[in-house]
Amino acid sequence: MTVTNPETGLQFTDISAWHFIARIADEGADIEEMTLENPRGDTGYVIKVQLEVTAPELYIKVQLKGGKIWGRSFHYSTE
């Protein structure tokens, strides 16, 4: 809950973050497949989004497991 939603000026909540992820995925965001370190060898999916010019890039990582989508990361990039 440290990422500011530029549309509202408030921090994303768990619910608003999931709605945001679903929206940008539906809109065709670039989704990169990657191999997770934990659990080693599982597949994760990364989306990087520039929310505002003055803010660092937003880093989102999810995992599909057991027929569900699991949130792994939702934070400003540290790169």
Protein backbone atom coordinates (compact mmCIF):
# COMPACT_ATOMS: atom_id res chain seq x y z
CA MET A 1 0.00 0.00 0.00
CA THR A 2 2.81 2.37 -0.90
CA VAL A 3 1.94 2.98 -4.55
CA THR A 4 -0.12 6.07 -5.34
CA ASN A 5 -2.94 5.70 -7.83
CA PRO A 6 -2.61 8.76 -10.10
CA GLU A 7 -6.34 8.61 -10.90
CA THR A 8 -7.37 9.15 -7.27
CA GLY A 9 -4.24 10.51 -5.56
CA LEU A 10 -4.69 7.79 -2.90
CA GLN A 11 -2.66 4.66 -2.22
CA PHE A 12 -3.75 1.52 -4.03
CA THR A 13 -5.58 -0.95 -1.79
CA ASP A 14 -5.52 -4.69 -2.43
CA ILE A 15 -8.85 -4.45 -4.24
CA SER A 16 -7.98 -1.38 -6.33
CA ALA A 17 -4.62 -2.94 -7.27
CA TRP A 18 -6.37 -6.07 -8.56
CA HIS A 19 -8.85 -3.96 -10.53
CA PHE A 20 -5.94 -1.99 -12.00
CA ILE A 21 -4.04 -5.17 -12.97
CA ALA A 22 -7.15 -6.61 -14.64
CA ARG A 23 -7.80 -3.37 -16.54
CA ILE A 24 -4.29 -2.95 -17.90
CA ALA A 25 -4.12 -6.65 -18.85
CA ASP A 26 -7.44 -6.29 -20.71
CA GLU A 27 -6.06 -3.19 -22.44
CA GLY A 28 -3.10 -5.19 -23.77
CA ALA A 29 -0.26 -4.38 -21.36
CA ASP A 30 3.05 -6.05 -22.18
CA ILE A 31 3.28 -9.15 -19.98
CA GLU A 32 6.68 -10.80 -19.68
CA GLU A 33 7.02 -14.44 -18.66
CA MET A 34 9.81 -15.20 -16.18
CA THR A 35 11.14 -18.04 -14.07
CA LEU A 36 10.60 -17.53 -10.36
CA GLU A 37 13.36 -18.01 -7.80
CA ASN A 38 10.82 -18.96 -5.13
CA PRO A 39 9.37 -21.48 -5.66
CA ARG A 40 12.36 -22.25 -7.88
CA GLY A 41 11.45 -22.99 -11.47
CA ASP A 42 7.78 -21.91 -11.34
CA THR A 43 6.57 -19.40 -13.92
CA GLY A 44 5.66 -15.83 -13.07
CA TYR A 45 4.40 -12.93 -15.16
CA VAL A 46 5.68 -9.36 -14.94
CA ILE A 47 4.06 -6.11 -16.03
CA LYS A 48 5.96 -2.82 -15.84
CA VAL A 49 3.92 0.39 -16.00
CA GLN A 50 4.90 4.05 -15.91
CA LEU A 51 2.07 5.62 -13.87
CA GLU A 52 3.43 9.16 -13.80
CA VAL A 53 6.40 10.91 -15.36
CA THR A 54 7.77 11.88 -11.94
CA ALA A 55 7.30 8.45 -10.30
CA PRO A 56 9.41 5.32 -10.68
CA GLU A 57 8.02 2.56 -12.87
CA LEU A 58 5.44 0.27 -11.23
CA TYR A 59 6.56 -3.38 -11.04
CA ILE A 60 3.81 -6.01 -10.93
CA LYS A 61 4.45 -9.75 -10.70
CA VAL A 62 1.79 -12.46 -10.59
CA GLN A 63 1.77 -16.24 -10.63
CA LEU A 64 -0.86 -18.63 -11.98
CA LYS A 65 -1.15 -21.61 -9.66
CA GLY A 66 -3.92 -24.05 -8.89
CA GLY A 67 -6.31 -22.30 -11.24
CA LYS A 68 -5.90 -18.98 -9.41
CA ILE A 69 -3.85 -15.85 -9.92
CA TRP A 70 -1.56 -14.96 -7.03
CA GLY A 71 -0.13 -11.48 -6.50
CA ARG A 72 3.62 -11.61 -5.91
CA SER A 73 4.75 -7.97 -6.27
CA PHE A 74 3.10 -4.57 -6.63
CA HIS A 75 5.61 -1.82 -5.92
CA TYR A 76 7.68 0.92 -7.46
CA SER A 77 10.69 -0.46 -9.30
CA THR A 78 14.00 -0.25 -7.51
CA GLU A 79 16.04 -0.55 -10.73
